Amino acid sequence: TFSVWKSAASMQQYAYRGAAHKGVIQRTRQEQWY
């Protein structure tokens, strides 16, 4: 995936506070998808 953001703050808001994104990251670690 490639994404471009208005600022580092907006990117961090999504990456670290977005429920959907955080949930997927946790699953990738727990279930070892990669």
Full PDB file with SEQRES, HELIX, SHEET, SSBOND, CRYST1, ORIGX, SCALE, CONECT and MASTER records, all heavy atoms in Angstrom:
SEQRES   1 A   34  THR PHE SER VAL TRP LYS SER ALA ALA SER MET GLN GLN          
SEQRES   2 A   34  TYR ALA TYR ARG GLY ALA ALA HIS LYS GLY VAL ILE GLN          
SEQRES   3 A   34  ARG THR ARG GLN GLU GLN TRP TYR                              
HELIX    1 AA1 ALA A    8  ARG A   17  1                                  10    
HELIX    2 AA2 ALA A   19  GLU A   31  1                                  13    
CRYST1    1.000    1.000    1.000  90.00  90.00  90.00 P 1           1          
ORIGX1      1.000000  0.000000  0.000000        0.00000                         
ORIGX2      0.000000  1.000000  0.000000        0.00000                         
ORIGX3      0.000000  0.000000  1.000000        0.00000                         
SCALE1      1.000000  0.000000  0.000000        0.00000                         
SCALE2      0.000000  1.000000  0.000000        0.00000                         
SCALE3      0.000000  0.000000  1.000000        0.00000                         
ATOM      1  N   THR A   1       0.859  -1.181   0.000  1.00  0.00           N  
ATOM      2  CA  THR A   1       0.000   0.000   0.000  1.00  0.00           C  
ATOM      3  C   THR A   1       0.894   1.229   0.000  1.00  0.00           C  
ATOM      4  O   THR A   1       1.979   1.228   0.595  1.00  0.00           O  
ATOM      5  CB  THR A   1      -0.943   0.059   1.218  1.00  0.00           C  
ATOM      6  OG1 THR A   1      -0.162   0.188   2.415  1.00  0.00           O  
ATOM      7  CG2 THR A   1      -1.802  -1.186   1.297  1.00  0.00           C  
ATOM      8  N   PHE A   2       0.429   2.267  -0.668  1.00  0.00           N  
ATOM      9  CA  PHE A   2       1.140   3.536  -0.680  1.00  0.00           C  
ATOM     10  C   PHE A   2       0.127   4.633  -0.419  1.00  0.00           C  
ATOM     11  O   PHE A   2      -0.912   4.699  -1.076  1.00  0.00           O  
ATOM     12  CB  PHE A   2       1.836   3.767  -2.022  1.00  0.00           C  
ATOM     13  CG  PHE A   2       2.658   5.033  -2.062  1.00  0.00           C  
ATOM     14  CD1 PHE A   2       3.903   5.076  -1.459  1.00  0.00           C  
ATOM     15  CD2 PHE A   2       2.170   6.162  -2.675  1.00  0.00           C  
ATOM     16  CE1 PHE A   2       4.665   6.240  -1.483  1.00  0.00           C  
ATOM     17  CE2 PHE A   2       2.916   7.332  -2.710  1.00  0.00           C  
ATOM     18  CZ  PHE A   2       4.170   7.373  -2.114  1.00  0.00           C  
ATOM     19  N   SER A   3       0.421   5.476   0.554  1.00  0.00           N  
ATOM     20  CA  SER A   3      -0.498   6.561   0.893  1.00  0.00           C  
ATOM     21  C   SER A   3       0.283   7.841   1.116  1.00  0.00           C  
ATOM     22  O   SER A   3       1.439   7.820   1.538  1.00  0.00           O  
ATOM     23  CB  SER A   3      -1.321   6.213   2.136  1.00  0.00           C  
ATOM     24  OG  SER A   3      -0.490   5.912   3.245  1.00  0.00           O  
ATOM     25  N   VAL A   4      -0.360   8.954   0.821  1.00  0.00           N  
ATOM     26  CA  VAL A   4       0.230  10.275   0.987  1.00  0.00           C  
ATOM     27  C   VAL A   4      -0.704  11.092   1.868  1.00  0.00           C  
ATOM     28  O   VAL A   4      -1.924  11.108   1.654  1.00  0.00           O  
ATOM     29  CB  VAL A   4       0.437  10.971  -0.374  1.00  0.00           C  
ATOM     30  CG1 VAL A   4       1.118  12.319  -0.187  1.00  0.00           C  
ATOM     31  CG2 VAL A   4       1.265  10.100  -1.306  1.00  0.00           C  
ATOM     32  N   TRP A   5      -0.108  11.778   2.842  1.00  0.00           N  
ATOM     33  CA  TRP A   5      -0.869  12.467   3.876  1.00  0.00           C  
ATOM     34  C   TRP A   5      -0.503  13.942   3.921  1.00  0.00           C  
ATOM     35  O   TRP A   5       0.643  14.321   3.650  1.00  0.00           O  
ATOM     36  CB  TRP A   5      -0.598  11.821   5.231  1.00  0.00           C  
ATOM     37  CG  TRP A   5      -0.962  10.369   5.259  1.00  0.00           C  
ATOM     38  CD1 TRP A   5      -0.224   9.326   4.761  1.00  0.00           C  
ATOM     39  CD2 TRP A   5      -2.159   9.794   5.771  1.00  0.00           C  
ATOM     40  NE1 TRP A   5      -0.887   8.140   4.935  1.00  0.00           N  
ATOM     41  CE2 TRP A   5      -2.079   8.390   5.563  1.00  0.00           C  
ATOM     42  CE3 TRP A   5      -3.290  10.313   6.409  1.00  0.00           C  
ATOM     43  CZ2 TRP A   5      -3.090   7.524   5.956  1.00  0.00           C  
ATOM     44  CZ3 TRP A   5      -4.286   9.449   6.804  1.00  0.00           C  
ATOM     45  CH2 TRP A   5      -4.189   8.076   6.580  1.00  0.00           C  
ATOM     46  N   LYS A   6      -1.458  14.743   4.315  1.00  0.00           N  
ATOM     47  CA  LYS A   6      -1.254  16.186   4.429  1.00  0.00           C  
ATOM     48  C   LYS A   6      -0.135  16.509   5.406  1.00  0.00           C  
ATOM     49  O   LYS A   6       0.630  17.464   5.207  1.00  0.00           O  
ATOM     50  CB  LYS A   6      -2.555  16.852   4.876  1.00  0.00           C  
ATOM     51  CG  LYS A   6      -2.482  18.357   5.028  1.00  0.00           C  
ATOM     52  CD  LYS A   6      -3.821  18.922   5.462  1.00  0.00           C  
ATOM     53  CE  LYS A   6      -3.742  20.431   5.644  1.00  0.00           C  
ATOM     54  NZ  LYS A   6      -5.066  20.983   6.083  1.00  0.00           N  
ATOM     55  N   SER A   7      -0.013  15.719   6.463  1.00  0.00           N  
ATOM     56  CA  SER A   7       0.999  15.973   7.480  1.00  0.00           C  
ATOM     57  C   SER A   7       1.288  14.691   8.243  1.00  0.00           C  
ATOM     58  O   SER A   7       0.513  13.733   8.189  1.00  0.00           O  
ATOM     59  CB  SER A   7       0.519  17.044   8.458  1.00  0.00           C  
ATOM     60  OG  SER A   7      -0.604  16.578   9.188  1.00  0.00           O  
ATOM     61  N   ALA A   8       2.399  14.694   8.971  1.00  0.00           N  
ATOM     62  CA  ALA A   8       2.724  13.553   9.818  1.00  0.00           C  
ATOM     63  C   ALA A   8       1.662  13.367  10.893  1.00  0.00           C  
ATOM     64  O   ALA A   8       1.335  12.230  11.260  1.00  0.00           O  
ATOM     65  CB  ALA A   8       4.102  13.749  10.441  1.00  0.00           C  
ATOM     66  N   ALA A   9       1.105  14.461  11.395  1.00  0.00           N  
ATOM     67  CA  ALA A   9       0.091  14.362  12.451  1.00  0.00           C  
ATOM     68  C   ALA A   9      -1.150  13.636  11.965  1.00  0.00           C  
ATOM     69  O   ALA A   9      -1.715  12.804  12.686  1.00  0.00           O  
ATOM     70  CB  ALA A   9      -0.262  15.756  12.951  1.00  0.00           C  
ATOM     71  N   SER A  10      -1.593  13.924  10.750  1.00  0.00           N  
ATOM     72  CA  SER A  10      -2.791  13.258  10.231  1.00  0.00           C  
ATOM     73  C   SER A  10      -2.523  11.781   9.983  1.00  0.00           C  
ATOM     74  O   SER A  10      -3.383  10.928  10.232  1.00  0.00           O  
ATOM     75  CB  SER A  10      -3.281  13.942   8.954  1.00  0.00           C  
ATOM     76  OG  SER A  10      -2.284  13.924   7.944  1.00  0.00           O  
ATOM     77  N   MET A  11      -1.327  11.449   9.515  1.00  0.00           N  
ATOM     78  CA  MET A  11      -0.977  10.051   9.313  1.00  0.00           C  
ATOM     79  C   MET A  11      -0.946   9.294  10.644  1.00  0.00           C  
ATOM     80  O   MET A  11      -1.473   8.187  10.767  1.00  0.00           O  
ATOM     81  CB  MET A  11       0.384   9.958   8.612  1.00  0.00           C  
ATOM     82  CG  MET A  11       0.877   8.548   8.316  1.00  0.00           C  
ATOM     83  SD  MET A  11       1.714   7.755   9.705  1.00  0.00           S  
ATOM     84  CE  MET A  11       3.105   8.860   9.904  1.00  0.00           C  
ATOM     85  N   GLN A  12      -0.358   9.895  11.654  1.00  0.00           N  
ATOM     86  CA  GLN A  12      -0.270   9.253  12.958  1.00  0.00           C  
ATOM     87  C   GLN A  12      -1.637   9.089  13.607  1.00  0.00           C  
ATOM     88  O   GLN A  12      -1.888   8.106  14.308  1.00  0.00           O  
ATOM     89  CB  GLN A  12       0.673  10.044  13.856  1.00  0.00           C  
ATOM     90  CG  GLN A  12       2.124   9.949  13.401  1.00  0.00           C  
ATOM     91  CD  GLN A  12       3.024  10.944  14.099  1.00  0.00           C  
ATOM     92  OE1 GLN A  12       2.553  11.880  14.736  1.00  0.00           O  
ATOM     93  NE2 GLN A  12       4.329  10.748  13.973  1.00  0.00           N  
ATOM     94  N   GLN A  13      -2.529  10.041  13.358  1.00  0.00           N  
ATOM     95  CA  GLN A  13      -3.885   9.931  13.882  1.00  0.00           C  
ATOM     96  C   GLN A  13      -4.555   8.666  13.359  1.00  0.00           C  
ATOM     97  O   GLN A  13      -5.202   7.928  14.114  1.00  0.00           O  
ATOM     98  CB  GLN A  13      -4.707  11.165  13.476  1.00  0.00           C  
ATOM     99  CG  GLN A  13      -6.187  11.112  13.805  1.00  0.00           C  
ATOM    100  CD  GLN A  13      -6.468  11.296  15.284  1.00  0.00           C  
ATOM    101  OE1 GLN A  13      -5.633  11.827  16.005  1.00  0.00           O  
ATOM    102  NE2 GLN A  13      -7.630  10.845  15.734  1.00  0.00           N  
ATOM    103  N   TYR A  14      -4.381   8.397  12.076  1.00  0.00           N  
ATOM    104  CA  TYR A  14      -4.958   7.189  11.488  1.00  0.00           C  
ATOM    105  C   TYR A  14      -4.221   5.935  11.950  1.00  0.00           C  
ATOM    106  O   TYR A  14      -4.839   4.949  12.370  1.00  0.00           O  
ATOM    107  CB  TYR A  14      -4.910   7.271   9.964  1.00  0.00           C  
ATOM    108  CG  TYR A  14      -5.248   5.955   9.291  1.00  0.00           C  
ATOM    109  CD1 TYR A  14      -6.573   5.552   9.161  1.00  0.00           C  
ATOM    110  CD2 TYR A  14      -4.238   5.103   8.823  1.00  0.00           C  
ATOM    111  CE1 TYR A  14      -6.885   4.341   8.570  1.00  0.00           C  
ATOM    112  CE2 TYR A  14      -4.554   3.897   8.237  1.00  0.00           C  
ATOM    113  CZ  TYR A  14      -5.878   3.520   8.111  1.00  0.00           C  
ATOM    114  OH  TYR A  14      -6.176   2.319   7.542  1.00  0.00           O  
ATOM    115  N   ALA A  15      -2.890   5.979  11.907  1.00  0.00           N  
ATOM    116  CA  ALA A  15      -2.098   4.773  12.170  1.00  0.00           C  
ATOM    117  C   ALA A  15      -2.229   4.291  13.602  1.00  0.00           C  
ATOM    118  O   ALA A  15      -2.304   3.077  13.855  1.00  0.00           O  
ATOM    119  CB  ALA A  15      -0.635   5.035  11.833  1.00  0.00           C  
ATOM    120  N   TYR A  16      -2.258   5.225  14.541  1.00  0.00           N  
ATOM    121  CA  TYR A  16      -2.176   4.826  15.943  1.00  0.00           C  
ATOM    122  C   TYR A  16      -3.494   4.918  16.698  1.00  0.00           C  
ATOM    123  O   TYR A  16      -3.609   4.399  17.809  1.00  0.00           O  
ATOM    124  CB  TYR A  16      -1.111   5.673  16.648  1.00  0.00           C  
ATOM    125  CG  TYR A  16       0.247   5.522  16.026  1.00  0.00           C  
ATOM    126  CD1 TYR A  16       0.932   6.613  15.504  1.00  0.00           C  
ATOM    127  CD2 TYR A  16       0.853   4.265  15.919  1.00  0.00           C  
ATOM    128  CE1 TYR A  16       2.184   6.469  14.913  1.00  0.00           C  
ATOM    129  CE2 TYR A  16       2.095   4.109  15.327  1.00  0.00           C  
ATOM    130  CZ  TYR A  16       2.754   5.214  14.827  1.00  0.00           C  
ATOM    131  OH  TYR A  16       3.980   5.063  14.233  1.00  0.00           O  
ATOM    132  N   ARG A  17      -4.480   5.576  16.076  1.00  0.00           N  
ATOM    133  CA  ARG A  17      -5.750   5.716  16.771  1.00  0.00           C  
ATOM    134  C   ARG A  17      -6.930   5.105  16.011  1.00  0.00           C  
ATOM    135  O   ARG A  17      -8.002   4.943  16.573  1.00  0.00           O  
ATOM    136  CB  ARG A  17      -6.042   7.192  17.056  1.00  0.00           C  
ATOM    137  CG  ARG A  17      -4.990   7.848  17.940  1.00  0.00           C  
ATOM    138  CD  ARG A  17      -5.333   9.282  18.251  1.00  0.00           C  
ATOM    139  NE  ARG A  17      -4.247   9.936  18.992  1.00  0.00           N  
ATOM    140  CZ  ARG A  17      -4.261  11.217  19.358  1.00  0.00           C  
ATOM    141  NH1 ARG A  17      -5.305  11.980  19.055  1.00  0.00           N  
ATOM    142  NH2 ARG A  17      -3.237  11.728  20.018  1.00  0.00           N  
ATOM    143  N   GLY A  18      -6.715   4.800  14.739  1.00  0.00           N  
ATOM    144  CA  GLY A  18      -7.796   4.207  13.956  1.00  0.00           C  
ATOM    145  C   GLY A  18      -8.047   2.767  14.363  1.00  0.00           C  
ATOM    146  O   GLY A  18      -7.151   1.928  14.308  1.00  0.00           O  
ATOM    147  N   ALA A  19      -9.265   2.462  14.760  1.00  0.00           N  
ATOM    148  CA  ALA A  19      -9.577   1.128  15.286  1.00  0.00           C  
ATOM    149  C   ALA A  19      -9.362   0.043  14.234  1.00  0.00           C  
ATOM    150  O   ALA A  19      -8.812  -1.027  14.530  1.00  0.00           O  
ATOM    151  CB  ALA A  19     -11.015   1.109  15.794  1.00  0.00           C  
ATOM    152  N   ALA A  20      -9.801   0.292  12.997  1.00  0.00           N  
ATOM    153  CA  ALA A  20      -9.685  -0.725  11.949  1.00  0.00           C  
ATOM    154  C   ALA A  20      -8.229  -1.050  11.669  1.00  0.00           C  
ATOM    155  O   ALA A  20      -7.834  -2.215  11.569  1.00  0.00           O  
ATOM    156  CB  ALA A  20     -10.385  -0.246  10.675  1.00  0.00           C  
ATOM    157  N   HIS A  21      -7.413  -0.023  11.546  1.00  0.00           N  
ATOM    158  CA  HIS A  21      -6.004  -0.235  11.244  1.00  0.00           C  
ATOM    159  C   HIS A  21      -5.296  -0.938  12.401  1.00  0.00           C  
ATOM    160  O   HIS A  21      -4.526  -1.890  12.190  1.00  0.00           O  
ATOM    161  CB  HIS A  21      -5.337   1.114  10.951  1.00  0.00           C  
ATOM    162  CG  HIS A  21      -3.907   1.001  10.548  1.00  0.00           C  
ATOM    163  ND1 HIS A  21      -2.878   1.193  11.447  1.00  0.00           N  
ATOM    164  CD2 HIS A  21      -3.324   0.694   9.372  1.00  0.00           C  
ATOM    165  CE1 HIS A  21      -1.729   1.029  10.827  1.00  0.00           C  
ATOM    166  NE2 HIS A  21      -1.961   0.732   9.568  1.00  0.00           N  
ATOM    167  N   LYS A  22      -5.527  -0.498  13.607  1.00  0.00           N  
ATOM    168  CA  LYS A  22      -4.887  -1.116  14.765  1.00  0.00           C  
ATOM    169  C   LYS A  22      -5.285  -2.588  14.885  1.00  0.00           C  
ATOM    170  O   LYS A  22      -4.465  -3.440  15.222  1.00  0.00           O  
ATOM    171  CB  LYS A  22      -5.268  -0.358  16.036  1.00  0.00           C  
ATOM    172  CG  LYS A  22      -4.603   0.991  16.167  1.00  0.00           C  
ATOM    173  CD  LYS A  22      -5.086   1.736  17.397  1.00  0.00           C  
ATOM    174  CE  LYS A  22      -4.703   1.009  18.665  1.00  0.00           C  
ATOM    175  NZ  LYS A  22      -5.123   1.780  19.875  1.00  0.00           N  
ATOM    176  N   GLY A  23      -6.550  -2.884  14.595  1.00  0.00           N  
ATOM    177  CA  GLY A  23      -7.010  -4.261  14.687  1.00  0.00           C  
ATOM    178  C   GLY A  23      -6.314  -5.174  13.703  1.00  0.00           C  
ATOM    179  O   GLY A  23      -5.934  -6.300  14.047  1.00  0.00           O  
ATOM    180  N   VAL A  24      -6.135  -4.703  12.479  1.00  0.00           N  
ATOM    181  CA  VAL A  24      -5.461  -5.512  11.466  1.00  0.00           C  
ATOM    182  C   VAL A  24      -3.999  -5.716  11.828  1.00  0.00           C  
ATOM    183  O   VAL A  24      -3.446  -6.823  11.675  1.00  0.00           O  
ATOM    184  CB  VAL A  24      -5.603  -4.860  10.073  1.00  0.00           C  
ATOM    185  CG1 VAL A  24      -4.687  -5.547   9.072  1.00  0.00           C  
ATOM    186  CG2 VAL A  24      -7.045  -4.943   9.604  1.00  0.00           C  
ATOM    187  N   ILE A  25      -3.332  -4.663  12.310  1.00  0.00           N  
ATOM    188  CA  ILE A  25      -1.932  -4.793  12.708  1.00  0.00           C  
ATOM    189  C   ILE A  25      -1.777  -5.846  13.801  1.00  0.00           C  
ATOM    190  O   ILE A  25      -0.860  -6.680  13.768  1.00  0.00           O  
ATOM    191  CB  ILE A  25      -1.379  -3.438  13.183  1.00  0.00           C  
ATOM    192  CG1 ILE A  25      -1.335  -2.455  12.014  1.00  0.00           C  
ATOM    193  CG2 ILE A  25       0.007  -3.607  13.793  1.00  0.00           C  
ATOM    194  CD1 ILE A  25      -0.460  -2.884  10.866  1.00  0.00           C  
ATOM    195  N   GLN A  26      -2.666  -5.833  14.764  1.00  0.00           N  
ATOM    196  CA  GLN A  26      -2.609  -6.831  15.831  1.00  0.00           C  
ATOM    197  C   GLN A  26      -2.783  -8.244  15.286  1.00  0.00           C  
ATOM    198  O   GLN A  26      -2.073  -9.173  15.698  1.00  0.00           O  
ATOM    199  CB  GLN A  26      -3.683  -6.525  16.876  1.00  0.00           C  
ATOM    200  CG  GLN A  26      -3.405  -5.279  17.699  1.00  0.00           C  
ATOM    201  CD  GLN A  26      -4.555  -4.911  18.607  1.00  0.00           C  
ATOM    202  OE1 GLN A  26      -5.644  -5.501  18.542  1.00  0.00           O  
ATOM    203  NE2 GLN A  26      -4.353  -3.910  19.460  1.00  0.00           N  
ATOM    204  N   ARG A  27      -3.707  -8.404  14.337  1.00  0.00           N  
ATOM    205  CA  ARG A  27      -3.933  -9.736  13.775  1.00  0.00           C  
ATOM    206  C   ARG A  27      -2.731 -10.213  12.977  1.00  0.00           C  
ATOM    207  O   ARG A  27      -2.394 -11.407  13.009  1.00  0.00           O  
ATOM    208  CB  ARG A  27      -5.183  -9.720  12.892  1.00  0.00           C  
ATOM    209  CG  ARG A  27      -6.487  -9.591  13.654  1.00  0.00           C  
ATOM    210  CD  ARG A  27      -7.658  -9.820  12.733  1.00  0.00           C  
ATOM    211  NE  ARG A  27      -7.650 -11.184  12.195  1.00  0.00           N  
ATOM    212  CZ  ARG A  27      -8.393 -11.572  11.151  1.00  0.00           C  
ATOM    213  NH1 ARG A  27      -9.174 -10.699  10.527  1.00  0.00           N  
ATOM    214  NH2 ARG A  27      -8.340 -12.816  10.728  1.00  0.00           N  
ATOM    215  N   THR A  28      -2.076  -9.311  12.236  1.00  0.00           N  
ATOM    216  CA  THR A  28      -0.908  -9.739  11.462  1.00  0.00           C  
ATOM    217  C   THR A  28       0.175 -10.300  12.376  1.00  0.00           C  
ATOM    218  O   THR A  28       0.871 -11.253  12.012  1.00  0.00           O  
ATOM    219  CB  THR A  28      -0.332  -8.580  10.632  1.00  0.00           C  
ATOM    220  OG1 THR A  28       0.154  -7.554  11.496  1.00  0.00           O  
ATOM    221  CG2 THR A  28      -1.359  -8.019   9.674  1.00  0.00           C  
ATOM    222  N   ARG A  29       0.321  -9.702  13.551  1.00  0.00           N  
ATOM    223  CA  ARG A  29       1.328 -10.190  14.491  1.00  0.00           C  
ATOM    224  C   ARG A  29       0.891 -11.511  15.128  1.00  0.00           C  
ATOM    225  O   ARG A  29       1.651 -12.471  15.205  1.00  0.00           O  
ATOM    226  CB  ARG A  29       1.575  -9.142  15.583  1.00  0.00           C  
ATOM    227  CG  ARG A  29       2.056  -7.800  15.061  1.00  0.00           C  
ATOM    228  CD  ARG A  29       3.467  -7.887  14.504  1.00  0.00           C  
ATOM    229  NE  ARG A  29       3.931  -6.583  14.034  1.00  0.00           N  
ATOM    230  CZ  ARG A  29       3.867  -6.169  12.785  1.00  0.00           C  
ATOM    231  NH1 ARG A  29       3.358  -6.972  11.854  1.00  0.00           N  
ATOM    232  NH2 ARG A  29       4.311  -4.982  12.433  1.00  0.00           N  
ATOM    233  N   GLN A  30      -0.343 -11.543  15.602  1.00  0.00           N  
ATOM    234  CA  GLN A  30      -0.826 -12.721  16.319  1.00  0.00           C  
ATOM    235  C   GLN A  30      -0.936 -13.944  15.418  1.00  0.00           C  
ATOM    236  O   GLN A  30      -0.599 -15.064  15.825  1.00  0.00           O  
ATOM    237  CB  GLN A  30      -2.184 -12.410  16.951  1.00  0.00           C  
ATOM    238  CG  GLN A  30      -2.137 -11.361  18.051  1.00  0.00           C  
ATOM    239  CD  GLN A  30      -3.510 -10.883  18.459  1.00  0.00           C  
ATOM    240  OE1 GLN A  30      -4.528 -11.277  17.867  1.00  0.00           O  
ATOM    241  NE2 GLN A  30      -3.569 -10.025  19.473  1.00  0.00           N  
ATOM    242  N   GLU A  31      -1.402 -13.737  14.174  1.00  0.00           N  
ATOM    243  CA  GLU A  31      -1.660 -14.858  13.278  1.00  0.00           C  
ATOM    244  C   GLU A  31      -0.530 -15.088  12.274  1.00  0.00           C  
ATOM    245  O   GLU A  31      -0.599 -16.024  11.482  1.00  0.00           O  
ATOM    246  CB  GLU A  31      -2.988 -14.621  12.541  1.00  0.00           C  
ATOM    247  CG  GLU A  31      -4.167 -14.467  13.498  1.00  0.00           C  
ATOM    248  CD  GLU A  31      -5.469 -14.145  12.783  1.00  0.00           C  
ATOM    249  OE1 GLU A  31      -5.598 -14.503  11.589  1.00  0.00           O  
ATOM    250  OE2 GLU A  31      -6.353 -13.526  13.412  1.00  0.00           O  
ATOM    251  N   GLN A  32       0.495 -14.210  12.311  1.00  0.00           N  
ATOM    252  CA  GLN A  32       1.688 -14.372  11.474  1.00  0.00           C  
ATOM    253  C   GLN A  32       1.325 -14.572   9.994  1.00  0.00           C  
ATOM    254  O   GLN A  32       1.639 -15.584   9.375  1.00  0.00           O  
ATOM    255  CB  GLN A  32       2.532 -15.544  11.991  1.00  0.00           C  
ATOM    256  CG  GLN A  32       3.021 -15.342  13.412  1.00  0.00           C  
ATOM    257  CD  GLN A  32       3.890 -16.476  13.911  1.00  0.00           C  
ATOM    258  OE1 GLN A  32       3.882 -17.586  13.375  1.00  0.00           O  
ATOM    259  NE2 GLN A  32       4.666 -16.222  14.939  1.00  0.00           N  
ATOM    260  N   TRP A  33       0.717 -13.543   9.436  1.00  0.00           N  
ATOM    261  CA  TRP A  33       0.278 -13.602   8.046  1.00  0.00           C  
ATOM    262  C   TRP A  33       1.439 -13.533   7.055  1.00  0.00           C  
ATOM    263  O   TRP A  33       1.328 -14.035   5.941  1.00  0.00           O  
ATOM    264  CB  TRP A  33      -0.664 -12.432   7.750  1.00  0.00           C  
ATOM    265  CG  TRP A  33      -2.005 -12.530   8.419  1.00  0.00           C  
ATOM    266  CD1 TRP A  33      -2.494 -13.577   9.152  1.00  0.00           C  
ATOM    267  CD2 TRP A  33      -3.026 -11.529   8.411  1.00  0.00           C  
ATOM    268  NE1 TRP A  33      -3.762 -13.291   9.604  1.00  0.00           N  
ATOM    269  CE2 TRP A  33      -4.116 -12.041   9.157  1.00  0.00           C  
ATOM    270  CE3 TRP A  33      -3.138 -10.262   7.845  1.00  0.00           C  
ATOM    271  CZ2 TRP A  33      -5.291 -11.321   9.353  1.00  0.00           C  
ATOM    272  CZ3 TRP A  33      -4.309  -9.543   8.040  1.00  0.00           C  
ATOM    273  CH2 TRP A  33      -5.367 -10.063   8.774  1.00  0.00           C  
ATOM    274  N   TYR A  34       2.552 -12.872   7.411  1.00  0.00           N  
ATOM    275  CA  TYR A  34       3.575 -12.526   6.436  1.00  0.00           C  
ATOM    276  C   TYR A  34       4.850 -13.340   6.628  1.00  0.00           C  
ATOM    277  O   TYR A  34       5.269 -13.628   7.746  1.00  0.00           O  
ATOM    278  CB  TYR A  34       3.939 -11.036   6.555  1.00  0.00           C  
ATOM    279  CG  TYR A  34       2.771 -10.097   6.504  1.00  0.00           C  
ATOM    280  CD1 TYR A  34       2.757  -8.935   7.273  1.00  0.00           C  
ATOM    281  CD2 TYR A  34       1.671 -10.349   5.682  1.00  0.00           C  
ATOM    282  CE1 TYR A  34       1.690  -8.054   7.223  1.00  0.00           C  
ATOM    283  CE2 TYR A  34       0.595  -9.473   5.629  1.00  0.00           C  
ATOM    284  CZ  TYR A  34       0.613  -8.326   6.411  1.00  0.00           C  
ATOM    285  OH  TYR A  34      -0.443  -7.463   6.376  1.00  0.00           O  
TER     286      TYR A  34                                                      
MASTER        0    0    0    2    0    0    0    6  285    1    0    3          
END                                                                             
